[in-house]
Amino acid sequence: MAKKVNINDKKTGMPKDEYLSDVADLFKMFSDSTRVKIMFALMDKELCVMDISSLLNMTQSAISHQLKILKSANLVSNRREGKTIYYMLSDDHVKSIIAQGLDHILE
């Protein structure tokens, strides 16, 4: 027999609406296949815009636009080396989200 849930306990354990809204906004970043491809490309190493555009067969302008969106969401960071800017995933949490999403689809 299933255990009855006390709804008041459930309400107490719910995160604040603002946090849940932020989580929804985070997952919106994964709703665009180009952004997901870029993040997947950055899973193992940092790349410059030219490398990403070549890998994904897209214009540098399109890649730069999506990188700007990903950077504003703190999913991607960058570093400059001379005139070249290299992009990488911001942290291991992003790698984990990508990897778990792929695992779920392939299951």
C-alpha atoms as a PDB file:
ATOM      1  CA  MET A   1       0.000   0.000   0.000  1.00  0.00           C
ATOM      2  CA  ALA A   2       1.335   3.451  -0.948  1.00  0.00           C
ATOM      3  CA  LYS A   3       2.309   5.801   1.839  1.00  0.00           C
ATOM      4  CA  LYS A   4      -0.009   8.792   2.152  1.00  0.00           C
ATOM      5  CA  VAL A   5       1.764  12.100   1.530  1.00  0.00           C
ATOM      6  CA  ASN A   6       1.233  14.957   3.927  1.00  0.00           C
ATOM      7  CA  ILE A   7       0.684  17.899   1.582  1.00  0.00           C
ATOM      8  CA  ASN A   8       1.808  20.414   4.206  1.00  0.00           C
ATOM      9  CA  ASP A   9       5.176  18.662   4.477  1.00  0.00           C
ATOM     10  CA  LYS A  10       5.458  18.789   0.703  1.00  0.00           C
ATOM     11  CA  LYS A  11       4.684  22.533   0.649  1.00  0.00           C
ATOM     12  CA  THR A  12       7.339  23.183   3.291  1.00  0.00           C
ATOM     13  CA  GLY A  13       9.953  21.329   1.230  1.00  0.00           C
ATOM     14  CA  MET A  14       9.228  23.194  -2.011  1.00  0.00           C
ATOM     15  CA  PRO A  15      11.917  25.647  -3.137  1.00  0.00           C
ATOM     16  CA  LYS A  16      10.976  29.301  -3.531  1.00  0.00           C
ATOM     17  CA  ASP A  17       9.165  30.213  -6.742  1.00  0.00           C
ATOM     18  CA  GLU A  18      12.121  32.343  -7.855  1.00  0.00           C
ATOM     19  CA  TYR A  19      14.437  29.316  -7.678  1.00  0.00           C
ATOM     20  CA  LEU A  20      12.024  27.142  -9.632  1.00  0.00           C
ATOM     21  CA  SER A  21      11.702  29.918 -12.212  1.00  0.00           C
ATOM     22  CA  ASP A  22      15.495  30.042 -12.485  1.00  0.00           C
ATOM     23  CA  VAL A  23      15.589  26.270 -13.037  1.00  0.00           C
ATOM     24  CA  ALA A  24      12.972  26.630 -15.794  1.00  0.00           C
ATOM     25  CA  ASP A  25      15.084  29.370 -17.395  1.00  0.00           C
ATOM     26  CA  LEU A  26      18.141  27.125 -17.199  1.00  0.00           C
ATOM     27  CA  PHE A  27      16.357  24.332 -19.018  1.00  0.00           C
ATOM     28  CA  LYS A  28      15.201  26.783 -21.700  1.00  0.00           C
ATOM     29  CA  MET A  29      18.877  27.062 -22.646  1.00  0.00           C
ATOM     30  CA  PHE A  30      18.773  23.374 -23.537  1.00  0.00           C
ATOM     31  CA  SER A  31      15.703  23.787 -25.754  1.00  0.00           C
ATOM     32  CA  ASP A  32      17.766  24.954 -28.731  1.00  0.00           C
ATOM     33  CA  SER A  33      19.615  22.197 -30.593  1.00  0.00           C
ATOM     34  CA  THR A  34      22.391  24.561 -31.713  1.00  0.00           C
ATOM     35  CA  ARG A  35      23.157  25.505 -28.109  1.00  0.00           C
ATOM     36  CA  VAL A  36      23.150  21.836 -27.103  1.00  0.00           C
ATOM     37  CA  LYS A  37      25.533  21.013 -29.975  1.00  0.00           C
ATOM     38  CA  ILE A  38      27.868  23.808 -28.884  1.00  0.00           C
ATOM     39  CA  MET A  39      27.845  22.624 -25.285  1.00  0.00           C
ATOM     40  CA  PHE A  40      28.439  19.041 -26.393  1.00  0.00           C
ATOM     41  CA  ALA A  41      31.382  20.225 -28.534  1.00  0.00           C
ATOM     42  CA  LEU A  42      32.844  21.899 -25.447  1.00  0.00           C
ATOM     43  CA  MET A  43      32.480  18.812 -23.215  1.00  0.00           C
ATOM     44  CA  ASP A  44      36.104  17.695 -23.504  1.00  0.00           C
ATOM     45  CA  LYS A  45      38.062  20.781 -24.512  1.00  0.00           C
ATOM     46  CA  GLU A  46      37.914  24.478 -25.073  1.00  0.00           C
ATOM     47  CA  LEU A  47      37.389  25.722 -28.606  1.00  0.00           C
ATOM     48  CA  CYS A  48      37.381  29.051 -30.435  1.00  0.00           C
ATOM     49  CA  VAL A  49      34.422  30.271 -32.519  1.00  0.00           C
ATOM     50  CA  MET A  50      36.161  29.273 -35.761  1.00  0.00           C
ATOM     51  CA  ASP A  51      36.657  25.687 -34.510  1.00  0.00           C
ATOM     52  CA  ILE A  52      33.058  25.390 -33.313  1.00  0.00           C
ATOM     53  CA  SER A  53      31.654  26.809 -36.549  1.00  0.00           C
ATOM     54  CA  SER A  54      33.775  24.381 -38.581  1.00  0.00           C
ATOM     55  CA  LEU A  55      32.778  21.432 -36.393  1.00  0.00           C
ATOM     56  CA  LEU A  56      29.057  22.243 -36.581  1.00  0.00           C
ATOM     57  CA  ASN A  57      29.144  23.507 -40.188  1.00  0.00           C
ATOM     58  CA  MET A  58      27.586  26.828 -39.201  1.00  0.00           C
ATOM     59  CA  THR A  59      28.568  30.459 -39.629  1.00  0.00           C
ATOM     60  CA  GLN A  60      30.786  32.104 -37.058  1.00  0.00           C
ATOM     61  CA  SER A  61      28.074  34.722 -36.580  1.00  0.00           C
ATOM     62  CA  ALA A  62      25.484  32.087 -35.656  1.00  0.00           C
ATOM     63  CA  ILE A  63      27.908  30.430 -33.235  1.00  0.00           C
ATOM     64  CA  SER A  64      28.867  33.754 -31.650  1.00  0.00           C
ATOM     65  CA  HIS A  65      25.201  34.615 -31.141  1.00  0.00           C
ATOM     66  CA  GLN A  66      24.502  31.341 -29.329  1.00  0.00           C
ATOM     67  CA  LEU A  67      27.707  31.599 -27.280  1.00  0.00           C
ATOM     68  CA  LYS A  68      26.601  35.028 -26.083  1.00  0.00           C
ATOM     69  CA  ILE A  69      23.305  33.517 -24.882  1.00  0.00           C
ATOM     70  CA  LEU A  70      25.087  30.591 -23.196  1.00  0.00           C
ATOM     71  CA  LYS A  71      27.574  32.935 -21.542  1.00  0.00           C
ATOM     72  CA  SER A  72      24.784  35.163 -20.188  1.00  0.00           C
ATOM     73  CA  ALA A  73      23.243  32.033 -18.635  1.00  0.00           C
ATOM     74  CA  ASN A  74      26.605  31.146 -17.038  1.00  0.00           C
ATOM     75  CA  LEU A  75      26.764  27.862 -18.936  1.00  0.00           C
ATOM     76  CA  VAL A  76      29.853  28.839 -20.923  1.00  0.00           C
ATOM     77  CA  SER A  77      32.882  30.900 -19.989  1.00  0.00           C
ATOM     78  CA  ASN A  78      35.862  32.078 -22.007  1.00  0.00           C
ATOM     79  CA  ARG A  79      39.482  33.102 -21.936  1.00  0.00           C
ATOM     80  CA  ARG A  80      41.499  35.226 -24.306  1.00  0.00           C
ATOM     81  CA  GLU A  81      44.824  34.183 -25.811  1.00  0.00           C
ATOM     82  CA  GLY A  82      46.085  37.015 -27.979  1.00  0.00           C
ATOM     83  CA  LYS A  83      43.308  37.812 -30.433  1.00  0.00           C
ATOM     84  CA  THR A  84      41.636  34.429 -30.027  1.00  0.00           C
ATOM     85  CA  ILE A  85      38.884  33.770 -27.499  1.00  0.00           C
ATOM     86  CA  TYR A  86      38.502  30.201 -26.313  1.00  0.00           C
ATOM     87  CA  TYR A  87      35.200  28.960 -24.900  1.00  0.00           C
ATOM     88  CA  MET A  88      34.629  26.202 -22.379  1.00  0.00           C
ATOM     89  CA  LEU A  89      31.780  24.891 -20.249  1.00  0.00           C
ATOM     90  CA  SER A  90      31.479  26.893 -17.050  1.00  0.00           C
ATOM     91  CA  ASP A  91      31.665  23.923 -14.683  1.00  0.00           C
ATOM     92  CA  ASP A  92      31.130  20.203 -14.229  1.00  0.00           C
ATOM     93  CA  HIS A  93      27.424  20.723 -13.530  1.00  0.00           C
ATOM     94  CA  VAL A  94      26.910  21.681 -17.176  1.00  0.00           C
ATOM     95  CA  LYS A  95      28.804  18.579 -18.309  1.00  0.00           C
ATOM     96  CA  SER A  96      26.645  16.485 -16.006  1.00  0.00           C
ATOM     97  CA  ILE A  97      23.390  17.917 -17.365  1.00  0.00           C
ATOM     98  CA  ILE A  98      24.466  17.241 -20.959  1.00  0.00           C
ATOM     99  CA  ALA A  99      25.719  13.735 -20.147  1.00  0.00           C
ATOM    100  CA  GLN A 100      22.613  12.803 -18.142  1.00  0.00           C
ATOM    101  CA  GLY A 101      20.323  14.151 -20.849  1.00  0.00           C
ATOM    102  CA  LEU A 102      22.091  12.049 -23.472  1.00  0.00           C
ATOM    103  CA  ASP A 103      22.058   8.989 -21.197  1.00  0.00           C
ATOM    104  CA  HIS A 104      18.314   9.440 -20.670  1.00  0.00           C
ATOM    105  CA  ILE A 105      17.652   9.656 -24.438  1.00  0.00           C
ATOM    106  CA  LEU A 106      19.823   6.633 -25.196  1.00  0.00           C
ATOM    107  CA  GLU A 107      18.232   4.537 -22.424  1.00  0.00           C
END
